[in-house]
């Protein structure tokens, strides 16, 4: 659940970053607004990547457990194979 929340939060932060960049693009010469939007975008991207990586690893662990359980159910197959 934590990984899904991180992925959703990262996506929301990325959307906010794009919105900030679009809203403040005409005033980029002031730099502060533009830099804030870019930094928020970078933070959102990092959080999104961490969340997506966590989801991927959780899915791989689940798949490995299912394969191990399937191997345990067949006679003649050892758990080490």
N, C-alpha and C. Protein backbone atom coordinates (compact mmCIF):
# COMPACT_ATOMS: atom_id res chain seq x y z
N UNK A 1 0.82 -1.19 0.00
CA UNK A 1 0.00 0.00 0.00
C UNK A 1 0.87 1.26 0.00
N UNK A 2 1.96 1.20 0.76
CA UNK A 2 2.85 2.36 0.84
C UNK A 2 3.41 2.70 -0.53
N UNK A 3 3.77 1.68 -1.31
CA UNK A 3 4.34 1.93 -2.63
C UNK A 3 3.32 2.59 -3.56
N UNK A 4 2.07 2.14 -3.47
CA UNK A 4 1.02 2.75 -4.31
C UNK A 4 0.82 4.20 -3.92
N UNK A 5 0.83 4.49 -2.62
CA UNK A 5 0.65 5.87 -2.17
C UNK A 5 1.81 6.74 -2.64
N UNK A 6 3.03 6.20 -2.59
CA UNK A 6 4.18 6.95 -3.06
C UNK A 6 4.08 7.23 -4.55
N UNK A 7 3.63 6.25 -5.32
CA UNK A 7 3.49 6.44 -6.76
C UNK A 7 2.41 7.49 -7.06
N UNK A 8 1.30 7.42 -6.35
CA UNK A 8 0.23 8.40 -6.56
C UNK A 8 0.69 9.79 -6.13
N UNK A 9 1.36 9.87 -4.99
CA UNK A 9 1.86 11.16 -4.52
C UNK A 9 2.88 11.74 -5.50
N UNK A 10 3.75 10.89 -6.03
CA UNK A 10 4.73 11.35 -7.01
C UNK A 10 4.06 11.89 -8.26
N UNK A 11 3.02 11.20 -8.72
CA UNK A 11 2.28 11.67 -9.89
C UNK A 11 1.60 13.00 -9.63
N UNK A 12 1.02 13.15 -8.44
CA UNK A 12 0.36 14.41 -8.08
C UNK A 12 1.37 15.55 -7.99
N UNK A 13 2.53 15.27 -7.44
CA UNK A 13 3.56 16.30 -7.33
C UNK A 13 4.07 16.68 -8.72
N UNK A 14 4.20 15.70 -9.61
CA UNK A 14 4.62 16.00 -10.98
C UNK A 14 3.58 16.89 -11.67
N UNK A 15 2.30 16.60 -11.47
CA UNK A 15 1.24 17.42 -12.06
C UNK A 15 1.31 18.85 -11.52
N UNK A 16 1.53 18.98 -10.22
CA UNK A 16 1.66 20.31 -9.62
C UNK A 16 2.87 21.05 -10.18
N UNK A 17 3.95 20.32 -10.41
CA UNK A 17 5.16 20.94 -10.96
C UNK A 17 4.90 21.47 -12.37
N UNK A 18 4.24 20.66 -13.19
CA UNK A 18 3.93 21.10 -14.56
C UNK A 18 3.04 22.33 -14.50
N UNK A 19 2.05 22.31 -13.61
CA UNK A 19 1.15 23.45 -13.47
C UNK A 19 1.93 24.69 -13.05
N UNK A 20 2.83 24.56 -12.08
CA UNK A 20 3.63 25.71 -11.63
C UNK A 20 4.51 26.25 -12.75
N UNK A 21 5.11 25.36 -13.52
CA UNK A 21 5.98 25.79 -14.61
C UNK A 21 5.16 26.53 -15.67
N UNK A 22 3.98 26.01 -16.00
CA UNK A 22 3.14 26.66 -17.02
C UNK A 22 2.64 28.02 -16.52
N UNK A 23 2.18 28.07 -15.28
CA UNK A 23 1.64 29.32 -14.73
C UNK A 23 2.73 30.39 -14.64
N UNK A 24 3.91 30.01 -14.20
CA UNK A 24 4.95 30.99 -13.96
C UNK A 24 5.93 31.13 -15.12
N UNK A 25 5.70 30.45 -16.23
CA UNK A 25 6.61 30.52 -17.37
C UNK A 25 6.81 31.96 -17.88
N UNK A 26 5.76 32.78 -17.98
CA UNK A 26 5.99 34.15 -18.45
C UNK A 26 6.87 34.97 -17.50
N UNK A 27 6.94 34.59 -16.27
CA UNK A 27 7.72 35.34 -15.29
C UNK A 27 9.02 34.64 -14.93
N UNK A 28 9.52 33.80 -15.84
CA UNK A 28 10.73 33.03 -15.54
C UNK A 28 11.92 33.93 -15.25
N UNK A 29 11.90 35.16 -15.75
CA UNK A 29 13.01 36.06 -15.48
C UNK A 29 13.14 36.36 -13.99
N UNK A 30 12.07 36.21 -13.25
CA UNK A 30 12.16 36.37 -11.80
C UNK A 30 12.82 35.16 -11.15
N UNK A 31 12.85 34.04 -11.87
CA UNK A 31 13.52 32.80 -11.50
C UNK A 31 12.94 32.06 -10.30
N UNK A 32 12.50 32.74 -9.30
CA UNK A 32 12.06 32.05 -8.09
C UNK A 32 10.92 31.09 -8.37
N UNK A 33 9.89 31.57 -9.06
CA UNK A 33 8.75 30.71 -9.35
C UNK A 33 9.17 29.55 -10.25
N UNK A 34 9.96 29.85 -11.26
CA UNK A 34 10.42 28.80 -12.17
C UNK A 34 11.27 27.75 -11.46
N UNK A 35 12.15 28.21 -10.60
CA UNK A 35 13.01 27.27 -9.88
C UNK A 35 12.18 26.41 -8.93
N UNK A 36 11.20 27.02 -8.27
CA UNK A 36 10.34 26.25 -7.36
C UNK A 36 9.61 25.17 -8.14
N UNK A 37 9.07 25.51 -9.30
CA UNK A 37 8.37 24.52 -10.13
C UNK A 37 9.29 23.40 -10.56
N UNK A 38 10.50 23.74 -10.96
CA UNK A 38 11.46 22.72 -11.39
C UNK A 38 11.85 21.83 -10.22
N UNK A 39 12.11 22.42 -9.06
CA UNK A 39 12.48 21.62 -7.89
C UNK A 39 11.34 20.70 -7.46
N UNK A 40 10.11 21.20 -7.52
CA UNK A 40 8.96 20.36 -7.18
C UNK A 40 8.85 19.22 -8.19
N UNK A 41 9.10 19.52 -9.46
CA UNK A 41 9.07 18.47 -10.49
C UNK A 41 10.12 17.40 -10.25
N UNK A 42 11.31 17.81 -9.89
CA UNK A 42 12.38 16.85 -9.60
C UNK A 42 12.01 15.99 -8.39
N UNK A 43 11.51 16.63 -7.34
CA UNK A 43 11.11 15.88 -6.14
C UNK A 43 10.00 14.89 -6.46
N UNK A 44 9.02 15.33 -7.25
CA UNK A 44 7.93 14.44 -7.64
C UNK A 44 8.43 13.28 -8.47
N UNK A 45 9.36 13.55 -9.38
CA UNK A 45 9.93 12.47 -10.20
C UNK A 45 10.67 11.45 -9.36
N UNK A 46 11.42 11.91 -8.38
CA UNK A 46 12.15 10.99 -7.50
C UNK A 46 11.17 10.13 -6.69
N UNK A 47 10.15 10.77 -6.13
CA UNK A 47 9.17 10.02 -5.34
C UNK A 47 8.42 9.03 -6.22
N UNK A 48 8.07 9.45 -7.44
CA UNK A 48 7.39 8.56 -8.37
C UNK A 48 8.27 7.36 -8.72
N UNK A 49 9.56 7.59 -8.96
CA UNK A 49 10.47 6.49 -9.29
C UNK A 49 10.62 5.52 -8.12
N UNK A 50 10.72 6.05 -6.91
CA UNK A 50 10.84 5.19 -5.73
C UNK A 50 9.58 4.35 -5.56
N UNK A 51 8.43 4.97 -5.71
CA UNK A 51 7.17 4.25 -5.57
C UNK A 51 7.01 3.18 -6.64
N UNK A 52 7.35 3.51 -7.89
CA UNK A 52 7.23 2.54 -8.97
C UNK A 52 8.21 1.39 -8.77
N UNK A 53 9.43 1.69 -8.30
CA UNK A 53 10.40 0.63 -8.02
C UNK A 53 9.93 -0.29 -6.90
N UNK A 54 9.31 0.29 -5.89
CA UNK A 54 8.77 -0.52 -4.80
C UNK A 54 7.64 -1.42 -5.26
N UNK A 55 6.78 -0.90 -6.12
CA UNK A 55 5.69 -1.71 -6.66
C UNK A 55 6.25 -2.86 -7.48
N UNK A 56 7.26 -2.56 -8.30
CA UNK A 56 7.87 -3.59 -9.14
C UNK A 56 8.50 -4.69 -8.29
N UNK A 57 9.23 -4.31 -7.25
CA UNK A 57 9.88 -5.32 -6.41
C UNK A 57 8.84 -6.14 -5.64
N UNK A 58 7.75 -5.50 -5.21
CA UNK A 58 6.70 -6.24 -4.52
C UNK A 58 6.05 -7.26 -5.45
N UNK A 59 5.83 -6.87 -6.70
CA UNK A 59 5.25 -7.80 -7.67
C UNK A 59 6.20 -8.96 -7.96
N UNK A 60 7.50 -8.67 -8.04
CA UNK A 60 8.48 -9.74 -8.27
C UNK A 60 8.52 -10.71 -7.10
N UNK A 61 8.44 -10.20 -5.87
CA UNK A 61 8.42 -11.07 -4.69
C UNK A 61 7.18 -11.95 -4.69
N UNK A 62 6.04 -11.37 -5.04
CA UNK A 62 4.80 -12.15 -5.09
C UNK A 62 4.90 -13.24 -6.14
N UNK A 63 5.45 -12.90 -7.30
CA UNK A 63 5.61 -13.87 -8.37
C UNK A 63 6.55 -15.00 -7.94
N UNK A 64 7.65 -14.65 -7.26
CA UNK A 64 8.59 -15.67 -6.80
C UNK A 64 7.94 -16.61 -5.78
N UNK A 65 7.11 -16.06 -4.89
CA UNK A 65 6.41 -16.90 -3.91
C UNK A 65 5.44 -17.84 -4.60
N UNK A 66 4.75 -17.36 -5.62
CA UNK A 66 3.80 -18.21 -6.35
C UNK A 66 4.53 -19.33 -7.08
N UNK A 67 5.67 -19.01 -7.68
CA UNK A 67 6.45 -20.03 -8.39
C UNK A 67 6.96 -21.07 -7.40
N UNK A 68 7.43 -20.63 -6.26
CA UNK A 68 7.93 -21.55 -5.23
C UNK A 68 6.80 -22.45 -4.72
N UNK A 69 5.63 -21.87 -4.53
CA UNK A 69 4.48 -22.66 -4.08
C UNK A 69 4.06 -23.66 -5.15
N UNK A 70 4.13 -23.26 -6.40
CA UNK A 70 3.76 -24.17 -7.49
C UNK A 70 4.76 -25.32 -7.58
N UNK A 71 6.04 -25.02 -7.41
CA UNK A 71 7.06 -26.08 -7.45
C UNK A 71 6.88 -27.05 -6.29
N UNK A 72 6.49 -26.54 -5.14
CA UNK A 72 6.31 -27.39 -3.97
C UNK A 72 5.12 -28.33 -4.16
N UNK A 73 4.19 -27.96 -5.02
CA UNK A 73 3.00 -28.78 -5.24
C UNK A 73 3.21 -29.93 -6.20
N UNK A 74 4.30 -29.95 -6.96
CA UNK A 74 4.55 -31.01 -7.93
C UNK A 74 5.51 -32.04 -7.34
N UNK A 75 5.14 -33.34 -7.39
CA UNK A 75 6.07 -34.36 -6.90
C UNK A 75 7.29 -34.46 -7.81
N UNK A 76 8.42 -34.73 -7.22
CA UNK A 76 9.65 -34.87 -8.00
C UNK A 76 10.41 -33.57 -8.14
N UNK A 77 9.81 -32.47 -7.78
CA UNK A 77 10.49 -31.18 -7.84
C UNK A 77 10.94 -30.80 -6.43
N UNK A 78 12.18 -30.38 -6.32
CA UNK A 78 12.66 -29.94 -5.01
C UNK A 78 12.47 -28.44 -4.89
N UNK A 79 12.52 -27.94 -3.68
CA UNK A 79 12.37 -26.51 -3.46
C UNK A 79 13.58 -25.72 -3.94
N UNK A 80 14.72 -26.39 -4.11
CA UNK A 80 15.94 -25.70 -4.51
C UNK A 80 16.02 -25.50 -6.01
N UNK A 81 15.19 -26.16 -6.80
CA UNK A 81 15.26 -26.03 -8.26
C UNK A 81 14.74 -24.71 -8.72
